[in-house]
Amino acid sequence: MILISELKLYTTQIQEAIPAIKTSHLLLNEAEVVKYLSGMKKTDNQLMLVIIPDARTKARNEDSIVMNNALGFFFLEKTELSTSQGPDWLAIFERTQETAVRS
């Protein structure tokens, strides 16, 4: 288990080490991701989201319990789908992939 204080420090260190990351945020679940991204501006690009795992289990009965506990780092850019040609997905993927590889 990673301590939240250590995860915060690590997140800050990554953001400081990679100039492409303009902002970062720790979140607990998908609902928080949607809420956070809806308030994000295109000028906030690139963004690093760190999703803290929960301790919930999935099972039909006590003999088939499965733990789903994974820490996720996501490198994202806000895009505008309303433009006439749409976003250049490959260019976005290339930029965010380069950032992820450097972390």
Protein backbone atom coordinates (compact mmCIF):
# COMPACT_ATOMS: atom_id res chain seq x y z
CA MET A 1 0.00 0.00 0.00
CA ILE A 2 1.28 3.47 -0.84
CA LEU A 3 0.80 6.25 1.68
CA ILE A 4 -1.27 9.17 0.39
CA SER A 5 1.40 11.64 1.57
CA GLU A 6 4.03 9.78 -0.50
CA LEU A 7 1.73 9.69 -3.53
CA LYS A 8 1.15 13.45 -3.28
CA LEU A 9 4.90 14.04 -3.10
CA TYR A 10 5.57 11.71 -6.04
CA THR A 11 2.85 13.43 -8.11
CA THR A 12 4.40 16.84 -7.39
CA GLN A 13 7.87 15.55 -8.29
CA ILE A 14 6.64 14.18 -11.62
CA GLN A 15 4.91 17.46 -12.47
CA GLU A 16 8.06 19.45 -11.63
CA ALA A 17 10.29 17.09 -13.63
CA ILE A 18 8.21 17.14 -16.83
CA PRO A 19 7.57 20.65 -18.21
CA ALA A 20 4.73 19.41 -20.47
CA ILE A 21 2.55 18.74 -17.43
CA LYS A 22 0.87 22.01 -16.49
CA THR A 23 -1.40 20.62 -13.79
CA SER A 24 -1.95 17.44 -11.81
CA HIS A 25 -4.65 16.21 -9.51
CA LEU A 26 -5.32 13.20 -7.25
CA LEU A 27 -8.81 11.73 -7.58
CA LEU A 28 -10.68 8.91 -5.89
CA ASN A 29 -13.15 7.63 -8.48
CA GLU A 30 -14.62 8.02 -11.97
CA ALA A 31 -17.27 10.50 -10.84
CA GLU A 32 -14.54 12.84 -9.65
CA VAL A 33 -12.71 12.45 -12.98
CA VAL A 34 -15.78 13.52 -14.95
CA LYS A 35 -16.41 16.46 -12.64
CA TYR A 36 -12.78 17.60 -12.73
CA LEU A 37 -12.44 17.30 -16.51
CA SER A 38 -15.66 19.20 -17.18
CA GLY A 39 -14.18 22.23 -15.39
CA MET A 40 -10.83 22.00 -17.16
CA LYS A 41 -9.82 24.52 -19.83
CA LYS A 42 -7.87 23.79 -23.00
CA THR A 43 -5.12 26.06 -21.67
CA ASP A 44 -4.60 23.60 -18.78
CA ASN A 45 -3.06 21.02 -21.17
CA GLN A 46 -1.31 18.67 -20.45
CA LEU A 47 -2.88 17.24 -17.36
CA MET A 48 -1.81 14.33 -15.18
CA LEU A 49 -4.55 12.61 -13.21
CA VAL A 50 -3.69 10.10 -10.52
CA ILE A 51 -6.56 7.80 -9.58
CA ILE A 52 -6.21 6.37 -6.09
CA PRO A 53 -7.38 2.76 -5.89
CA ASP A 54 -10.23 1.75 -3.66
CA ALA A 55 -10.48 -1.40 -1.59
CA ARG A 56 -13.79 -2.66 -2.94
CA THR A 57 -14.11 -6.27 -3.95
CA LYS A 58 -16.17 -7.92 -6.65
CA ALA A 59 -17.78 -11.29 -6.04
CA ARG A 60 -20.95 -13.29 -6.47
CA ASN A 61 -20.12 -15.12 -3.26
CA GLU A 62 -17.35 -15.26 -0.66
CA ASP A 63 -15.49 -18.01 -2.56
CA SER A 64 -14.95 -15.91 -5.67
CA ILE A 65 -13.72 -12.59 -4.25
CA VAL A 66 -11.58 -10.56 -6.62
CA MET A 67 -9.65 -7.51 -5.46
CA ASN A 68 -9.54 -4.65 -7.94
CA ASN A 69 -6.82 -2.39 -6.63
CA ALA A 70 -4.73 -0.52 -9.22
CA LEU A 71 -3.14 2.90 -9.11
CA GLY A 72 -3.60 4.79 -12.37
CA PHE A 73 -1.64 7.67 -13.90
CA PHE A 74 -3.39 9.33 -16.84
CA PHE A 75 -1.88 11.97 -19.11
CA LEU A 76 -4.60 13.92 -20.89
CA GLU A 77 -5.30 16.95 -23.02
CA LYS A 78 -8.60 18.79 -23.18
CA THR A 79 -9.95 18.91 -26.74
CA GLU A 80 -12.82 20.65 -28.44
CA LEU A 81 -15.00 18.24 -30.37
CA SER A 82 -17.08 21.07 -31.80
CA THR A 83 -14.42 22.21 -34.28
CA SER A 84 -15.21 21.58 -37.93
CA GLN A 85 -12.45 19.00 -38.45
CA GLY A 86 -12.33 17.66 -34.91
CA PRO A 87 -9.19 17.13 -32.89
CA ASP A 88 -6.10 15.52 -34.36
CA TRP A 89 -6.27 12.39 -32.21
CA LEU A 90 -2.93 10.93 -33.30
CA ALA A 91 -1.09 14.14 -32.44
CA ILE A 92 -2.75 14.21 -29.00
CA PHE A 93 -1.90 10.55 -28.40
CA GLU A 94 1.68 11.14 -29.49
CA ARG A 95 2.14 14.10 -27.11
CA THR A 96 0.54 12.41 -24.12
CA GLN A 97 2.36 9.15 -24.80
CA GLU A 98 5.69 11.00 -24.87
CA THR A 99 4.83 12.57 -21.50
CA ALA A 100 3.82 9.21 -20.01
CA VAL A 101 7.03 7.55 -21.19
CA ARG A 102 9.12 10.27 -19.53
CA SER A 103 7.42 9.75 -16.17
